[in-house]
C-alpha atoms as a PDB file:
ATOM      1  CA  MET A   1       0.000   0.000   0.000  1.00  0.00           C
ATOM      2  CA  SER A   2       1.163   3.526  -0.787  1.00  0.00           C
ATOM      3  CA  ASN A   3       2.580   5.582   2.053  1.00  0.00           C
ATOM      4  CA  LYS A   4       2.035   8.837   0.123  1.00  0.00           C
ATOM      5  CA  THR A   5      -1.704   8.749  -0.226  1.00  0.00           C
ATOM      6  CA  LEU A   6      -4.073  11.687  -0.523  1.00  0.00           C
ATOM      7  CA  TYR A   7      -7.218  11.018   1.499  1.00  0.00           C
ATOM      8  CA  GLN A   8     -10.238  13.085   0.571  1.00  0.00           C
ATOM      9  CA  HIS A   9     -13.540  13.072   2.444  1.00  0.00           C
ATOM     10  CA  GLY A  10     -16.454  14.271   0.346  1.00  0.00           C
ATOM     11  CA  THR A  11     -16.075  15.933  -3.031  1.00  0.00           C
ATOM     12  CA  LEU A  12     -15.897  19.541  -4.097  1.00  0.00           C
ATOM     13  CA  GLY A  13     -18.715  18.872  -6.555  1.00  0.00           C
ATOM     14  CA  ALA A  14     -21.076  17.854  -3.759  1.00  0.00           C
ATOM     15  CA  LEU A  15     -20.016  20.851  -1.667  1.00  0.00           C
ATOM     16  CA  MET A  16     -20.594  23.176  -4.629  1.00  0.00           C
ATOM     17  CA  ALA A  17     -24.106  21.747  -4.929  1.00  0.00           C
ATOM     18  CA  GLY A  18     -24.901  22.728  -1.341  1.00  0.00           C
ATOM     19  CA  LEU A  19     -24.259  19.470   0.523  1.00  0.00           C
ATOM     20  CA  MET A  20     -22.608  21.168   3.482  1.00  0.00           C
ATOM     21  CA  ASP A  21     -23.483  18.986   6.471  1.00  0.00           C
ATOM     22  CA  GLY A  22     -20.420  17.768   8.347  1.00  0.00           C
ATOM     23  CA  THR A  23     -20.008  13.990   8.174  1.00  0.00           C
ATOM     24  CA  LYS A  24     -16.508  13.258   9.508  1.00  0.00           C
ATOM     25  CA  THR A  25     -14.743  14.524  12.623  1.00  0.00           C
ATOM     26  CA  ILE A  26     -11.505  16.447  12.423  1.00  0.00           C
ATOM     27  CA  SER A  27      -9.938  13.974  14.859  1.00  0.00           C
ATOM     28  CA  ASP A  28     -10.769  11.117  12.473  1.00  0.00           C
ATOM     29  CA  LEU A  29      -9.267  13.116   9.638  1.00  0.00           C
ATOM     30  CA  LEU A  30      -6.030  13.655  11.552  1.00  0.00           C
ATOM     31  CA  THR A  31      -5.505   9.892  11.778  1.00  0.00           C
ATOM     32  CA  LEU A  32      -5.090   9.936   7.993  1.00  0.00           C
ATOM     33  CA  GLY A  33      -2.571  12.748   7.594  1.00  0.00           C
ATOM     34  CA  ASP A  34      -0.754  15.747   9.024  1.00  0.00           C
ATOM     35  CA  LEU A  35      -1.166  18.323   6.235  1.00  0.00           C
ATOM     36  CA  GLY A  36      -4.378  19.336   4.555  1.00  0.00           C
ATOM     37  CA  ILE A  37      -7.241  21.707   3.831  1.00  0.00           C
ATOM     38  CA  GLY A  38     -11.023  21.707   4.138  1.00  0.00           C
ATOM     39  CA  THR A  39     -14.042  23.396   5.666  1.00  0.00           C
ATOM     40  CA  LEU A  40     -16.432  22.741   8.566  1.00  0.00           C
ATOM     41  CA  HIS A  41     -20.139  21.936   8.934  1.00  0.00           C
ATOM     42  CA  GLY A  42     -22.275  24.479   7.121  1.00  0.00           C
ATOM     43  CA  LEU A  43     -19.273  25.804   5.180  1.00  0.00           C
ATOM     44  CA  ASP A  44     -18.062  27.393   8.417  1.00  0.00           C
ATOM     45  CA  GLY A  45     -14.687  28.890   7.533  1.00  0.00           C
ATOM     46  CA  GLU A  46     -11.469  27.435   6.169  1.00  0.00           C
ATOM     47  CA  VAL A  47      -9.593  24.510   7.715  1.00  0.00           C
ATOM     48  CA  ILE A  48      -5.795  24.455   7.647  1.00  0.00           C
ATOM     49  CA  ILE A  49      -3.936  21.338   8.785  1.00  0.00           C
ATOM     50  CA  ILE A  50      -0.204  21.688   9.324  1.00  0.00           C
ATOM     51  CA  ASN A  51       2.233  19.586  11.342  1.00  0.00           C
ATOM     52  CA  GLY A  52      -0.643  17.413  12.528  1.00  0.00           C
ATOM     53  CA  GLU A  53      -2.631  20.309  14.013  1.00  0.00           C
ATOM     54  CA  ALA A  54      -5.926  21.634  12.667  1.00  0.00           C
ATOM     55  CA  TYR A  55      -6.986  25.286  12.631  1.00  0.00           C
ATOM     56  CA  GLN A  56     -10.053  27.177  11.456  1.00  0.00           C
ATOM     57  CA  GLY A  57      -9.940  30.536   9.730  1.00  0.00           C
ATOM     58  CA  ARG A  58     -13.233  32.180  10.724  1.00  0.00           C
ATOM     59  CA  SER A  59     -15.289  34.710   8.813  1.00  0.00           C
ATOM     60  CA  ASP A  60     -14.633  37.324  11.518  1.00  0.00           C
ATOM     61  CA  GLY A  61     -10.942  37.187  10.599  1.00  0.00           C
ATOM     62  CA  LYS A  62      -9.854  35.202  13.650  1.00  0.00           C
ATOM     63  CA  LEU A  63      -7.944  31.913  13.612  1.00  0.00           C
ATOM     64  CA  ILE A  64      -8.587  29.221  16.216  1.00  0.00           C
ATOM     65  CA  LYS A  65      -7.159  25.779  16.929  1.00  0.00           C
ATOM     66  CA  LEU A  66      -9.737  23.016  16.524  1.00  0.00           C
ATOM     67  CA  THR A  67     -10.560  20.517  19.262  1.00  0.00           C
ATOM     68  CA  GLY A  68     -11.046  17.599  16.884  1.00  0.00           C
ATOM     69  CA  GLU A  69     -14.747  17.206  17.657  1.00  0.00           C
ATOM     70  CA  GLU A  70     -15.793  19.462  14.768  1.00  0.00           C
ATOM     71  CA  LEU A  71     -17.376  17.919  11.665  1.00  0.00           C
ATOM     72  CA  THR A  72     -16.284  18.462   8.075  1.00  0.00           C
ATOM     73  CA  PRO A  73     -18.248  17.914   4.851  1.00  0.00           C
ATOM     74  CA  TYR A  74     -15.127  18.226   2.691  1.00  0.00           C
ATOM     75  CA  ALA A  75     -11.439  17.937   3.463  1.00  0.00           C
ATOM     76  CA  ALA A  76      -8.227  16.493   2.045  1.00  0.00           C
ATOM     77  CA  VAL A  77      -5.159  15.322   3.976  1.00  0.00           C
ATOM     78  CA  THR A  78      -1.895  13.486   3.464  1.00  0.00           C
ATOM     79  CA  THR A  79       1.085  12.469   5.531  1.00  0.00           C
ATOM     80  CA  PHE A  80       3.510  15.022   4.162  1.00  0.00           C
ATOM     81  CA  LYS A  81       6.892  13.692   3.074  1.00  0.00           C
ATOM     82  CA  ALA A  82       8.855  16.118   0.928  1.00  0.00           C
ATOM     83  CA  ASP A  83      10.494  14.715  -2.204  1.00  0.00           C
ATOM     84  CA  ARG A  84      12.054  18.017  -3.201  1.00  0.00           C
ATOM     85  CA  GLN A  85      12.930  21.290  -1.512  1.00  0.00           C
ATOM     86  CA  VAL A  86      13.418  24.485  -3.492  1.00  0.00           C
ATOM     87  CA  ILE A  87      14.520  27.903  -2.260  1.00  0.00           C
ATOM     88  CA  LEU A  88      12.538  30.774  -3.759  1.00  0.00           C
ATOM     89  CA  ASP A  89      14.512  33.880  -2.891  1.00  0.00           C
ATOM     90  CA  GLU A  90      13.069  36.454  -5.257  1.00  0.00           C
ATOM     91  CA  GLY A  91       9.967  38.597  -5.021  1.00  0.00           C
ATOM     92  CA  LEU A  92       7.238  36.853  -7.018  1.00  0.00           C
ATOM     93  CA  TYR A  93       3.523  37.427  -7.439  1.00  0.00           C
ATOM     94  CA  SER A  94       1.202  34.464  -6.983  1.00  0.00           C
ATOM     95  CA  GLU A  95       0.876  33.490 -10.659  1.00  0.00           C
ATOM     96  CA  GLU A  96       4.649  33.590 -11.109  1.00  0.00           C
ATOM     97  CA  THR A  97       5.160  31.566  -7.937  1.00  0.00           C
ATOM     98  CA  LEU A  98       2.646  28.904  -8.945  1.00  0.00           C
ATOM     99  CA  ASN A  99       4.158  28.630 -12.416  1.00  0.00           C
ATOM    100  CA  LYS A 100       7.583  28.168 -10.845  1.00  0.00           C
ATOM    101  CA  MET A 101       6.156  25.476  -8.556  1.00  0.00           C
ATOM    102  CA  LEU A 102       4.911  23.566 -11.598  1.00  0.00           C
ATOM    103  CA  THR A 103       8.408  23.399 -13.066  1.00  0.00           C
ATOM    104  CA  HIS A 104       9.501  21.374 -10.032  1.00  0.00           C
ATOM    105  CA  PHE A 105       6.627  18.883 -10.153  1.00  0.00           C
ATOM    106  CA  LYS A 106       7.243  15.286 -11.135  1.00  0.00           C
ATOM    107  CA  SER A 107       4.172  15.519 -13.368  1.00  0.00           C
ATOM    108  CA  GLN A 108       1.075  17.642 -13.845  1.00  0.00           C
ATOM    109  CA  ASN A 109      -0.927  14.455 -14.395  1.00  0.00           C
ATOM    110  CA  THR A 110      -0.697  13.400 -10.750  1.00  0.00           C
ATOM    111  CA  PHE A 111      -1.646  14.962  -7.427  1.00  0.00           C
ATOM    112  CA  SER A 112       1.015  16.854  -5.483  1.00  0.00           C
ATOM    113  CA  ALA A 113       1.060  18.196  -1.932  1.00  0.00           C
ATOM    114  CA  VAL A 114       2.902  21.458  -1.328  1.00  0.00           C
ATOM    115  CA  LYS A 115       4.101  23.549   1.580  1.00  0.00           C
ATOM    116  CA  LEU A 116       5.651  26.961   0.994  1.00  0.00           C
ATOM    117  CA  THR A 117       7.066  28.541   4.138  1.00  0.00           C
ATOM    118  CA  GLY A 118       8.518  32.015   4.177  1.00  0.00           C
ATOM    119  CA  VAL A 119       7.925  35.753   4.227  1.00  0.00           C
ATOM    120  CA  PHE A 120       5.089  37.145   2.147  1.00  0.00           C
ATOM    121  CA  ASN A 121       5.003  40.799   1.155  1.00  0.00           C
ATOM    122  CA  LYS A 122       1.229  40.461   0.783  1.00  0.00           C
ATOM    123  CA  MET A 123      -1.264  37.729   1.575  1.00  0.00           C
ATOM    124  CA  HIS A 124      -4.868  38.063   0.384  1.00  0.00           C
ATOM    125  CA  ILE A 125      -7.323  35.448   1.663  1.00  0.00           C
ATOM    126  CA  ARG A 126     -11.033  34.785   1.819  1.00  0.00           C
ATOM    127  CA  ILE A 127     -13.100  32.877   4.355  1.00  0.00           C
ATOM    128  CA  MET A 128     -16.476  31.313   3.677  1.00  0.00           C
ATOM    129  CA  PRO A 129     -19.169  32.419   6.165  1.00  0.00           C
ATOM    130  CA  LYS A 130     -21.179  29.765   7.991  1.00  0.00           C
ATOM    131  CA  GLN A 131     -24.444  28.836   6.299  1.00  0.00           C
ATOM    132  CA  GLU A 132     -27.754  27.650   7.685  1.00  0.00           C
ATOM    133  CA  LYS A 133     -30.267  25.373   6.005  1.00  0.00           C
ATOM    134  CA  PRO A 134     -31.614  25.466   3.400  1.00  0.00           C
ATOM    135  CA  TYR A 135     -28.078  25.677   1.991  1.00  0.00           C
ATOM    136  CA  ARG A 136     -27.410  27.666  -1.152  1.00  0.00           C
ATOM    137  CA  ARG A 137     -25.006  26.577  -3.865  1.00  0.00           C
ATOM    138  CA  LEU A 138     -21.447  27.490  -2.964  1.00  0.00           C
ATOM    139  CA  VAL A 139     -21.062  29.848  -5.928  1.00  0.00           C
ATOM    140  CA  GLU A 140     -23.787  32.051  -4.399  1.00  0.00           C
ATOM    141  CA  VAL A 141     -22.141  32.026  -0.978  1.00  0.00           C
ATOM    142  CA  SER A 142     -18.814  33.019  -2.538  1.00  0.00           C
ATOM    143  CA  LYS A 143     -20.316  36.365  -3.572  1.00  0.00           C
ATOM    144  CA  ILE A 144     -20.606  37.432   0.079  1.00  0.00           C
ATOM    145  CA  GLN A 145     -17.400  35.937   1.460  1.00  0.00           C
ATOM    146  CA  PRO A 146     -15.250  38.215   3.651  1.00  0.00           C
ATOM    147  CA  GLU A 147     -11.740  38.924   2.388  1.00  0.00           C
ATOM    148  CA  PHE A 148      -8.663  39.883   4.415  1.00  0.00           C
ATOM    149  CA  THR A 149      -5.188  41.111   3.531  1.00  0.00           C
ATOM    150  CA  GLU A 150      -1.978  41.232   5.554  1.00  0.00           C
ATOM    151  CA  GLU A 151       1.398  42.643   4.527  1.00  0.00           C
ATOM    152  CA  TYR A 152       4.887  41.431   5.430  1.00  0.00           C
ATOM    153  CA  ILE A 153       3.705  38.300   7.176  1.00  0.00           C
ATOM    154  CA  LYS A 154       5.534  35.062   7.948  1.00  0.00           C
ATOM    155  CA  GLY A 155       3.745  31.782   7.451  1.00  0.00           C
ATOM    156  CA  SER A 156       3.021  28.791   5.254  1.00  0.00           C
ATOM    157  CA  LEU A 157       0.932  28.004   2.214  1.00  0.00           C
ATOM    158  CA  VAL A 158      -0.320  24.415   2.336  1.00  0.00           C
ATOM    159  CA  GLY A 159      -2.471  22.473  -0.068  1.00  0.00           C
ATOM    160  CA  PHE A 160      -2.684  20.385  -3.173  1.00  0.00           C
ATOM    161  CA  TYR A 161      -2.339  20.414  -6.933  1.00  0.00           C
ATOM    162  CA  THR A 162      -5.094  18.492  -8.717  1.00  0.00           C
ATOM    163  CA  PRO A 163      -4.791  17.313 -12.345  1.00  0.00           C
ATOM    164  CA  ALA A 164      -7.470  18.645 -14.720  1.00  0.00           C
ATOM    165  CA  LEU A 165      -8.799  15.097 -15.111  1.00  0.00           C
ATOM    166  CA  PHE A 166     -10.138  15.246 -11.543  1.00  0.00           C
ATOM    167  CA  GLN A 167     -12.000  18.558 -11.807  1.00  0.00           C
ATOM    168  CA  GLY A 168     -15.146  18.228  -9.696  1.00  0.00           C
ATOM    169  CA  VAL A 169     -13.663  15.710  -7.316  1.00  0.00           C
ATOM    170  CA  ALA A 170     -11.446  18.625  -6.290  1.00  0.00           C
ATOM    171  CA  ALA A 171     -10.579  21.964  -7.889  1.00  0.00           C
ATOM    172  CA  ALA A 172      -8.250  21.444 -10.847  1.00  0.00           C
ATOM    173  CA  GLY A 173      -4.949  23.241 -10.344  1.00  0.00           C
ATOM    174  CA  PHE A 174      -3.815  24.608  -6.994  1.00  0.00           C
ATOM    175  CA  HIS A 175      -6.037  24.734  -3.897  1.00  0.00           C
ATOM    176  CA  LEU A 176      -4.064  26.471  -1.167  1.00  0.00           C
ATOM    177  CA  HIS A 177      -4.707  27.721   2.348  1.00  0.00           C
ATOM    178  CA  PHE A 178      -2.446  30.028   4.354  1.00  0.00           C
ATOM    179  CA  ILE A 179      -1.585  30.077   8.040  1.00  0.00           C
ATOM    180  CA  SER A 180       0.647  32.637   9.727  1.00  0.00           C
ATOM    181  CA  GLU A 181       3.663  31.616  11.769  1.00  0.00           C
ATOM    182  CA  ASP A 182       2.091  33.063  14.928  1.00  0.00           C
ATOM    183  CA  ARG A 183      -1.188  31.221  14.220  1.00  0.00           C
ATOM    184  CA  THR A 184      -3.345  34.348  14.226  1.00  0.00           C
ATOM    185  CA  PHE A 185      -4.245  34.682  10.519  1.00  0.00           C
ATOM    186  CA  GLY A 186      -5.312  32.165   7.918  1.00  0.00           C
ATOM    187  CA  GLY A 187      -7.741  31.159   5.202  1.00  0.00           C
ATOM    188  CA  HIS A 188      -8.213  30.271   1.539  1.00  0.00           C
ATOM    189  CA  VAL A 189      -5.602  31.950  -0.646  1.00  0.00           C
ATOM    190  CA  ILE A 190      -6.813  34.373  -3.330  1.00  0.00           C
ATOM    191  CA  ASP A 191      -3.472  35.910  -4.262  1.00  0.00           C
ATOM    192  CA  PHE A 192      -0.162  36.864  -2.704  1.00  0.00           C
ATOM    193  CA  GLU A 193       3.280  38.299  -3.232  1.00  0.00           C
ATOM    194  CA  LEU A 194       6.154  36.152  -2.031  1.00  0.00           C
ATOM    195  CA  GLY A 195       9.229  37.776  -0.536  1.00  0.00           C
ATOM    196  CA  GLN A 196      11.288  34.644  -0.033  1.00  0.00           C
ATOM    197  CA  GLY A 197      10.556  31.111   1.045  1.00  0.00           C
ATOM    198  CA  VAL A 198      11.245  27.406   0.968  1.00  0.00           C
ATOM    199  CA  LEU A 199       9.011  25.235  -1.194  1.00  0.00           C
ATOM    200  CA  GLU A 200       8.535  21.570  -0.294  1.00  0.00           C
ATOM    201  CA  ILE A 201       6.822  19.190  -2.720  1.00  0.00           C
ATOM    202  CA  SER A 202       5.450  15.727  -2.012  1.00  0.00           C
ATOM    203  CA  ASP A 203       4.605  13.484  -4.971  1.00  0.00           C
ATOM    204  CA  ILE A 204       1.274  11.798  -4.259  1.00  0.00           C
ATOM    205  CA  ASP A 205       1.131   8.285  -5.703  1.00  0.00           C
ATOM    206  CA  ALA A 206      -2.385   7.251  -4.667  1.00  0.00           C
ATOM    207  CA  MET A 207      -5.725   8.810  -3.807  1.00  0.00           C
ATOM    208  CA  THR A 208      -8.412   7.376  -1.545  1.00  0.00           C
ATOM    209  CA  GLN A 209     -11.846   8.946  -1.955  1.00  0.00           C
ATOM    210  CA  LEU A 210     -14.039   8.676   1.141  1.00  0.00           C
ATOM    211  CA  PHE A 211     -17.801   9.109   0.822  1.00  0.00           C
ATOM    212  CA  PRO A 212     -20.312  10.088   3.545  1.00  0.00           C
ATOM    213  CA  VAL A 213     -22.160   6.784   3.168  1.00  0.00           C
ATOM    214  CA  ASN A 214     -24.143   7.252   6.386  1.00  0.00           C
ATOM    215  CA  ASP A 215     -25.522  10.636   5.322  1.00  0.00           C
ATOM    216  CA  THR A 216     -28.981  10.110   3.832  1.00  0.00           C
ATOM    217  CA  THR A 217     -28.999  13.600   2.288  1.00  0.00           C
ATOM    218  CA  PHE A 218     -25.880  12.787   0.290  1.00  0.00           C
ATOM    219  CA  LEU A 219     -27.197   9.375  -0.719  1.00  0.00           C
ATOM    220  CA  GLU A 220     -30.618  10.610  -1.821  1.00  0.00           C
ATOM    221  CA  THR A 221     -29.836  13.996  -3.396  1.00  0.00           C
ATOM    222  CA  GLU A 222     -29.792  14.218  -7.182  1.00  0.00           C
ATOM    223  CA  ILE A 223     -26.847  16.564  -7.666  1.00  0.00           C
ATOM    224  CA  ASP A 224     -26.927  19.051 -10.545  1.00  0.00           C
ATOM    225  CA  TYR A 225     -23.458  19.072 -12.091  1.00  0.00           C
ATOM    226  CA  ALA A 226     -24.445  20.943 -15.276  1.00  0.00           C
ATOM    227  CA  ASN A 227     -22.516  24.139 -14.521  1.00  0.00           C
ATOM    228  CA  LEU A 228     -19.985  22.656 -12.120  1.00  0.00           C
ATOM    229  CA  ALA A 229     -16.792  23.650 -13.954  1.00  0.00           C
ATOM    230  CA  SER A 230     -17.799  27.309 -14.340  1.00  0.00           C
ATOM    231  CA  GLU A 231     -19.060  27.493 -10.745  1.00  0.00           C
ATOM    232  CA  ILE A 232     -15.771  26.122  -9.398  1.00  0.00           C
ATOM    233  CA  GLU A 233     -13.871  28.695 -11.454  1.00  0.00           C
ATOM    234  CA  GLN A 234     -16.003  31.502 -10.008  1.00  0.00           C
ATOM    235  CA  ALA A 235     -15.888  30.301  -6.409  1.00  0.00           C
ATOM    236  CA  GLU A 236     -12.336  28.988  -6.119  1.00  0.00           C
END
């Protein structure tokens, strides 16, 4: 069995469709990996998992450490083992940084886990606000999401690269969350400017997709995927 497996609970497609009930505990998730991203029940904020600890970026701008009892409808984790380490010591905007990351990937046809730790001249994030039933589609919620920006901040970007083939299971391309070194600021990355940092890349060689098989809403809902690709592009 692979020891560099990406475990994903739920799918982005289901989350986009409004299936936002939490169905797996954070403590259960942490038995599967020590680095990851996700959200909580009702789309309540952004989850950042780093060094085996889980945090929530909240829509009020605060960051808290999770107890493990919280439920997630969608999250992805891996046991992070770096295959390559690259020093990025020049000021780069987010698109330039991500393009440089790609040049160090083993392949763009497989999943990769990344951690970029350093000093960021600017970090621009968003945080999904908690929703109540009846849930709206995620693309509608994204129109009212709070955004926050910090300058000259130390911290880490963590997340995954997903091949285009798996769009809908996850978001094709990069899906990254940020957490500050002092654990006071974090969320879903919109854009950034890197001062300098160290990039670590882990080549994922297997993916295990976990489904909420005990959730009757998930099992019985007929999910509308017609506009999924465009909605993911708008929301992510």
